[in-house]
Amino acid sequence: MTKFALFFICVVSAFAAKPLEVRFIDVEGGQATLVIAPSGESLLIDTGYPERNGRDADRIVAEAKSAGLQKIDYVLITHYHSDHVGGVPQLAARIPIGTFIDHGPNRETSVDAKALWSGYETAFQKAKRLVVKPGDVLPIRGLRVEVVTAAGDAKAVRGAGKANASCASAQKQAEDSSENAWSLGTLITYGKFRMVDLGDLTWNKELELVCPTAKVPNVDVYVTSHHGLAQSGSPQLVAALHPRVAIMNNGARKGGAPAAWQIVCDSPGLEDLWQLHFSVEGGPAHNVPAQRIANPEEACQGKAIALSANDDGSFSVTNLGTGFTKKYGRRGK
């Protein structure tokens, strides 16, 4: 074997060995999830709240720079509510952004909704914009990121199609006409590892996604819908996903509702639930042990939860507030 061939094999092996890295950033009841592919390309799902002296944008930039990023390649906006899109203008002023991804126009027409859209529009006009629909695959090297839901529609992805026995007991909630129901949801796959993020998709749209057969496969990690509020996270959705681990991006006083929390905890096959915050509403009975809560105090320092996943399906989760780490083996191991 020549020296060049040996060098090439070493380089390829080193690249293949790189894990998928995810940071669940604390924006105190909103969403900001930073995904870093083994290729080095980055995807940020949502940008947290506006104003607040730039708190959420600063936290995102700090996590990005701690990961060695000088720019964010893609920013995906699940929907146009302030806790998801509101931080765009401040973030764009702090770090270069390559491409914005969204589900299309804002369906809400209130004064606040128009202001949020205006701030977002100003930002994407200075970068690139990609409007996607269910079935699309995002152009992120090293990962397969499939659009599962967008603009009120859903489409089955590969590996899905299992009958969902829990649908027999499904009960609908009141119809939701807000942007939540239009959330852009994605299935992120790295080798045998799968993670799903459905934004704030609400109950009835979840049922359309997983009943009578699931349009999504079982996953390793489930980012709980809608911060763990009771308008989302139906038993039918959780049953269809059959997650090994759930990450709840709740705040101290938003999300982490006892009913939604219990549905996740009762999921067969669930190994652990992790929370960004201790839920005041949940109290002692409806919060996980302290080692899996990044921010136990309401007046917090905004600590994140980190995930590192290998292409064989094994992964680890770390509480950056306490340093506690737990490793999870390959699915079925």
Protein backbone atom coordinates (compact mmCIF):
# COMPACT_ATOMS: atom_id res chain seq x y z
CA MET A 1 0.00 0.00 0.00
CA THR A 2 1.40 3.42 -0.97
CA LYS A 3 1.81 6.26 1.52
CA PHE A 4 -0.81 8.25 -0.40
CA ALA A 5 -3.37 5.41 -0.20
CA LEU A 6 -2.74 5.01 3.51
CA PHE A 7 -3.13 8.76 4.05
CA PHE A 8 -6.40 8.77 2.06
CA ILE A 9 -7.81 5.90 4.14
CA CYS A 10 -6.90 7.68 7.37
CA VAL A 11 -8.58 10.90 6.23
CA VAL A 12 -11.76 9.09 5.16
CA SER A 13 -11.86 7.10 8.40
CA ALA A 14 -11.45 10.25 10.48
CA PHE A 15 -14.30 11.96 8.65
CA ALA A 16 -16.56 8.91 8.96
CA ALA A 17 -15.87 8.73 12.68
CA LYS A 18 -17.10 12.27 13.35
CA PRO A 19 -20.38 12.34 15.26
CA LEU A 20 -23.49 14.38 14.72
CA GLU A 21 -23.58 17.14 17.34
CA VAL A 22 -26.76 18.83 18.60
CA ARG A 23 -27.18 21.65 21.11
CA PHE A 24 -30.61 22.22 22.63
CA ILE A 25 -30.17 25.87 23.56
CA ASP A 26 -32.15 27.34 26.43
CA VAL A 27 -34.34 30.21 25.21
CA GLU A 28 -36.68 29.74 28.17
CA GLY A 29 -39.79 28.34 26.56
CA GLY A 30 -39.02 28.95 22.89
CA GLN A 31 -36.85 26.92 20.55
CA ALA A 32 -33.30 27.10 19.28
CA THR A 33 -31.76 23.76 18.35
CA LEU A 34 -28.31 23.81 16.73
CA VAL A 35 -27.43 20.78 14.59
CA ILE A 36 -23.85 20.31 13.38
CA ALA A 37 -23.38 17.64 10.72
CA PRO A 38 -20.22 15.51 10.59
CA SER A 39 -19.38 17.47 7.42
CA GLY A 40 -19.21 20.64 9.48
CA GLU A 41 -22.35 22.19 7.98
CA SER A 42 -24.76 23.66 10.51
CA LEU A 43 -28.53 23.86 10.82
CA LEU A 44 -30.28 25.99 13.43
CA ILE A 45 -33.93 25.16 14.07
CA ASP A 46 -35.61 28.38 15.23
CA THR A 47 -34.11 31.43 16.90
CA GLY A 48 -35.92 32.04 20.18
CA TYR A 49 -37.55 35.27 21.29
CA PRO A 50 -36.94 38.86 20.15
CA GLU A 51 -35.62 41.72 22.28
CA ARG A 52 -34.76 40.74 25.90
CA ASN A 53 -31.49 42.65 25.29
CA GLY A 54 -30.53 40.07 22.68
CA ARG A 55 -30.47 37.27 25.26
CA ASP A 56 -31.48 34.44 22.93
CA ALA A 57 -29.32 35.56 19.99
CA ASP A 58 -26.35 35.85 22.36
CA ARG A 59 -26.93 32.34 23.70
CA ILE A 60 -27.16 30.91 20.19
CA VAL A 61 -23.99 32.66 19.04
CA ALA A 62 -22.14 31.52 22.16
CA GLU A 63 -23.06 27.87 21.48
CA ALA A 64 -22.18 28.22 17.79
CA LYS A 65 -18.76 29.67 18.55
CA SER A 66 -18.08 27.10 21.26
CA ALA A 67 -18.60 24.51 18.49
CA GLY A 68 -16.10 26.31 16.27
CA LEU A 69 -18.65 27.86 13.92
CA GLN A 70 -18.06 31.26 12.35
CA LYS A 71 -21.38 31.21 10.50
CA ILE A 72 -24.65 29.25 10.47
CA ASP A 73 -25.23 27.59 7.12
CA TYR A 74 -29.00 27.07 7.43
CA VAL A 75 -31.63 28.55 9.73
CA LEU A 76 -34.92 26.64 9.64
CA ILE A 77 -38.01 28.44 10.93
CA THR A 78 -40.68 25.98 11.99
CA HIS A 79 -43.40 28.66 12.13
CA TYR A 80 -43.90 32.37 12.66
CA HIS A 81 -44.48 32.80 16.38
CA SER A 82 -42.29 35.08 18.47
CA ASP A 83 -40.59 32.28 20.42
CA HIS A 84 -39.43 30.65 17.18
CA VAL A 85 -38.85 33.39 14.57
CA GLY A 86 -38.66 36.45 16.80
CA GLY A 87 -34.90 36.26 17.33
CA VAL A 88 -34.02 36.30 13.62
CA PRO A 89 -33.13 40.02 13.27
CA GLN A 90 -30.86 40.02 16.32
CA LEU A 91 -29.20 36.75 15.34
CA ALA A 92 -28.57 37.93 11.76
CA ALA A 93 -26.88 41.04 13.19
CA ARG A 94 -24.47 38.88 15.23
CA ILE A 95 -23.42 36.02 12.93
CA PRO A 96 -23.51 35.36 9.15
CA ILE A 97 -26.39 33.16 7.96
CA GLY A 98 -26.29 31.33 4.63
CA THR A 99 -29.86 30.21 3.90
CA PHE A 100 -33.22 30.54 5.63
CA ILE A 101 -35.69 27.64 5.30
CA ASP A 102 -39.44 27.94 5.93
CA HIS A 103 -42.88 26.62 4.95
CA GLY A 104 -43.98 29.68 2.96
CA PRO A 105 -46.08 32.74 3.87
CA ASN A 106 -47.31 33.57 7.34
CA ARG A 107 -51.03 32.73 7.56
CA GLU A 108 -51.60 34.94 10.60
CA THR A 109 -52.56 38.58 10.05
CA SER A 110 -52.46 40.29 13.44
CA VAL A 111 -50.31 43.37 13.98
CA ASP A 112 -47.77 41.29 15.91
CA ALA A 113 -47.71 38.60 13.20
CA LYS A 114 -47.04 41.20 10.50
CA ALA A 115 -44.21 42.68 12.56
CA LEU A 116 -42.61 39.25 13.02
CA TRP A 117 -42.89 38.56 9.30
CA SER A 118 -41.37 41.93 8.44
CA GLY A 119 -38.34 41.27 10.63
CA TYR A 120 -37.88 37.82 9.13
CA GLU A 121 -38.37 39.06 5.55
CA THR A 122 -35.72 41.74 6.00
CA ALA A 123 -33.25 39.08 7.15
CA PHE A 124 -33.86 36.51 4.41
CA GLN A 125 -33.70 39.17 1.70
CA LYS A 126 -30.07 39.71 2.72
CA ALA A 127 -29.29 35.98 2.52
CA LYS A 128 -30.89 33.09 0.62
CA ARG A 129 -34.31 31.57 1.20
CA LEU A 130 -35.60 28.05 0.57
CA VAL A 131 -39.33 27.29 0.83
CA VAL A 132 -39.96 23.57 1.37
CA LYS A 133 -42.84 21.11 1.39
CA PRO A 134 -43.35 17.62 2.87
CA GLY A 135 -41.15 15.09 1.12
CA ASP A 136 -38.31 17.50 0.43
CA VAL A 137 -34.78 16.65 1.60
CA LEU A 138 -32.68 19.56 2.83
CA PRO A 139 -29.28 20.07 1.15
CA ILE A 140 -27.14 19.47 4.23
CA ARG A 141 -24.00 17.43 3.58
CA GLY A 142 -23.50 14.44 5.83
CA LEU A 143 -27.10 14.18 7.05
CA ARG A 144 -30.48 13.25 5.66
CA VAL A 145 -32.95 15.88 6.82
CA GLU A 146 -36.44 15.11 5.49
CA VAL A 147 -39.41 17.44 5.70
CA VAL A 148 -42.25 15.54 7.36
CA THR A 149 -44.79 18.33 7.87
CA ALA A 150 -45.14 21.84 6.46
CA ALA A 151 -47.94 24.32 5.79
CA GLY A 152 -50.57 21.97 7.19
CA ASP A 153 -49.60 18.96 5.07
CA ALA A 154 -47.69 15.77 5.83
CA LYS A 155 -45.99 13.08 3.77
CA ALA A 156 -44.67 9.65 4.68
CA VAL A 157 -40.90 9.21 4.71
CA ARG A 158 -38.88 6.07 4.13
CA GLY A 159 -39.02 3.54 6.93
CA ALA A 160 -42.55 4.62 7.90
CA GLY A 161 -45.91 2.95 7.30
CA LYS A 162 -46.46 0.94 10.48
CA ALA A 163 -50.06 0.58 11.66
CA ASN A 164 -50.66 2.55 14.85
CA ALA A 165 -52.85 0.53 17.21
CA SER A 166 -53.26 3.46 19.59
CA CYS A 167 -55.30 5.35 16.97
CA ALA A 168 -58.38 3.39 17.99
CA SER A 169 -58.61 5.50 21.16
CA ALA A 170 -57.68 8.82 19.53
CA GLN A 171 -59.78 11.85 20.37
CA LYS A 172 -59.45 15.16 18.56
CA GLN A 173 -59.07 18.53 20.23
CA ALA A 174 -60.55 21.83 19.04
CA GLU A 175 -59.25 22.79 15.61
CA ASP A 176 -56.17 24.99 15.63
CA SER A 177 -56.02 27.71 12.95
CA SER A 178 -52.77 29.25 14.19
CA GLU A 179 -49.27 28.95 12.74
CA ASN A 180 -48.61 26.08 15.17
CA ALA A 181 -50.63 23.74 12.96
CA TRP A 182 -48.46 24.74 9.98
CA SER A 183 -45.19 23.85 11.69
CA LEU A 184 -42.30 22.66 9.55
CA GLY A 185 -41.29 19.30 11.02
CA THR A 186 -38.17 17.33 10.14
CA LEU A 187 -36.74 13.85 10.55
CA ILE A 188 -32.95 13.99 10.92
CA THR A 189 -31.08 10.79 10.08
CA TYR A 190 -27.38 10.05 10.53
CA GLY A 191 -26.64 6.45 9.66
CA LYS A 192 -28.85 4.42 12.02
CA PHE A 193 -29.57 7.36 14.32
CA ARG A 194 -32.91 9.20 13.96
CA MET A 195 -34.23 12.35 15.63
CA VAL A 196 -37.56 14.10 14.99
CA ASP A 197 -38.47 17.75 15.57
CA LEU A 198 -42.04 18.83 14.74
CA GLY A 199 -41.89 22.38 16.10
CA ASP A 200 -45.22 23.31 17.71
CA LEU A 201 -47.35 20.94 15.64
CA THR A 202 -50.69 20.62 17.40
CA TRP A 203 -52.78 17.63 18.38
CA ASN A 204 -55.07 17.15 15.35
CA LYS A 205 -52.22 17.57 12.88
CA GLU A 206 -50.24 15.02 14.86
CA LEU A 207 -53.10 12.56 14.41
CA GLU A 208 -53.05 13.17 10.65
CA LEU A 209 -49.33 12.39 10.72
CA VAL A 210 -49.56 9.08 12.59
CA CYS A 211 -53.09 7.67 12.10
CA PRO A 212 -54.14 5.12 11.02
CA THR A 213 -50.56 4.38 9.90
CA ALA A 214 -47.51 6.38 10.88
CA LYS A 215 -45.86 8.58 8.25
CA VAL A 216 -42.73 8.65 10.40
CA PRO A 217 -40.61 5.74 11.69
CA ASN A 218 -39.53 4.97 15.24
CA VAL A 219 -36.87 7.40 16.44
CA ASP A 220 -34.03 7.46 18.92
CA VAL A 221 -34.69 11.03 20.04
CA TYR A 222 -37.95 12.98 20.11
CA VAL A 223 -37.87 16.73 20.64
CA THR A 224 -41.17 17.06 22.46
CA SER A 225 -43.81 18.94 20.49
CA HIS A 226 -44.72 22.46 21.56
CA HIS A 227 -42.41 22.58 24.61
CA GLY A 228 -44.51 19.96 26.42
CA LEU A 229 -47.78 21.88 26.32
CA ALA A 230 -51.03 19.93 26.46
CA GLN A 231 -52.18 21.12 23.01
CA SER A 232 -49.56 18.77 21.51
CA GLY A 233 -47.76 15.54 22.28
CA SER A 234 -50.70 13.20 21.78
CA PRO A 235 -50.41 9.58 22.97
CA GLN A 236 -50.81 8.50 19.35
CA LEU A 237 -47.82 10.56 18.19
CA VAL A 238 -45.60 9.35 21.02
CA ALA A 239 -46.65 5.74 20.41
CA ALA A 240 -45.82 6.02 16.71
CA LEU A 241 -42.40 7.56 17.36
CA HIS A 242 -41.56 5.07 20.14
CA PRO A 243 -38.59 7.21 21.25
CA ARG A 244 -35.74 6.00 23.37
CA VAL A 245 -35.00 9.50 24.65
CA ALA A 246 -37.08 12.69 24.69
CA ILE A 247 -35.76 16.24 25.03
CA MET A 248 -38.24 18.83 26.35
CA ASN A 249 -37.40 22.43 25.41
CA ASN A 250 -39.61 23.92 28.10
CA GLY A 251 -39.20 27.01 30.22
CA ALA A 252 -39.77 27.34 33.94
CA ARG A 253 -43.32 28.58 33.38
CA LYS A 254 -44.00 27.49 29.83
CA GLY A 255 -44.36 23.88 28.78
CA GLY A 256 -43.75 20.88 30.94
CA ALA A 257 -47.50 20.55 31.54
CA PRO A 258 -48.16 17.54 33.80
CA ALA A 259 -50.49 15.80 31.30
CA ALA A 260 -48.05 16.16 28.39
CA TRP A 261 -45.10 15.22 30.60
CA GLN A 262 -46.88 12.05 31.72
CA ILE A 263 -47.68 10.95 28.16
CA VAL A 264 -43.98 11.06 27.31
CA CYS A 265 -42.90 9.33 30.51
CA ASP A 266 -45.45 6.54 30.01
CA SER A 267 -44.19 5.79 26.50
CA PRO A 268 -43.15 2.11 26.22
CA GLY A 269 -39.46 1.86 25.46
CA LEU A 270 -38.59 5.32 26.75
CA GLU A 271 -35.27 5.23 28.56
CA ASP A 272 -35.07 8.87 29.64
CA LEU A 273 -36.66 12.31 29.40
CA TRP A 274 -34.37 15.35 29.65
CA GLN A 275 -35.62 18.90 30.35
CA LEU A 276 -34.14 22.33 29.70
CA HIS A 277 -35.94 23.66 32.79
CA PHE A 278 -37.57 22.52 35.98
CA SER A 279 -41.30 23.02 35.34
CA VAL A 280 -42.92 25.08 38.08
CA GLU A 281 -46.33 23.74 37.04
CA GLY A 282 -45.07 20.17 37.15
CA GLY A 283 -43.82 20.36 40.71
CA PRO A 284 -42.00 17.44 42.36
CA ALA A 285 -44.28 14.81 40.81
CA HIS A 286 -43.86 15.87 37.17
CA ASN A 287 -40.20 16.69 36.71
CA VAL A 288 -37.32 14.34 36.01
CA PRO A 289 -34.40 13.92 38.44
CA ALA A 290 -32.17 17.01 38.78
CA GLN A 291 -29.28 15.45 36.88
CA ARG A 292 -31.39 15.56 33.70
CA ILE A 293 -32.60 19.18 34.11
CA ALA A 294 -30.23 21.76 32.63
CA ASN A 295 -31.71 24.74 34.49
CA PRO A 296 -33.23 23.85 37.88
CA GLU A 297 -33.72 27.50 38.90
CA GLU A 298 -36.15 29.92 37.27
CA ALA A 299 -33.54 32.71 37.33
CA CYS A 300 -31.04 30.71 35.31
CA GLN A 301 -27.82 31.03 33.32
CA GLY A 302 -29.34 29.48 30.19
CA LYS A 303 -27.49 26.18 30.19
CA ALA A 304 -27.99 23.86 27.20
CA ILE A 305 -28.35 20.13 26.68
CA ALA A 306 -25.86 18.54 24.27
CA LEU A 307 -26.26 15.39 22.20
CA SER A 308 -23.57 13.52 20.29
CA ALA A 309 -24.69 10.72 17.93
CA ASN A 310 -22.74 8.09 16.01
CA ASP A 311 -23.74 6.60 12.70
CA ASP A 312 -24.22 3.17 14.32
CA GLY A 313 -27.17 4.60 16.26
CA SER A 314 -25.42 5.00 19.61
CA PHE A 315 -25.42 8.42 21.23
CA SER A 316 -24.84 10.34 24.43
CA VAL A 317 -26.65 13.23 26.12
CA THR A 318 -24.95 15.75 28.39
CA ASN A 319 -26.47 18.24 30.81
CA LEU A 320 -24.24 21.29 30.33
CA GLY A 321 -25.56 22.71 33.58
CA THR A 322 -24.23 19.88 35.73
CA GLY A 323 -21.84 18.05 33.42
CA PHE A 324 -23.81 14.80 33.84
CA THR A 325 -23.56 12.55 30.76
CA LYS A 326 -25.40 9.37 29.89
CA LYS A 327 -24.53 7.05 27.02
CA TYR A 328 -27.10 5.10 25.01
CA GLY A 329 -26.08 2.07 22.97
CA ARG A 330 -27.24 1.11 19.51
CA ARG A 331 -30.97 0.53 19.09
CA GLY A 332 -31.83 -2.96 20.32
CA LYS A 333 -28.59 -3.31 22.23
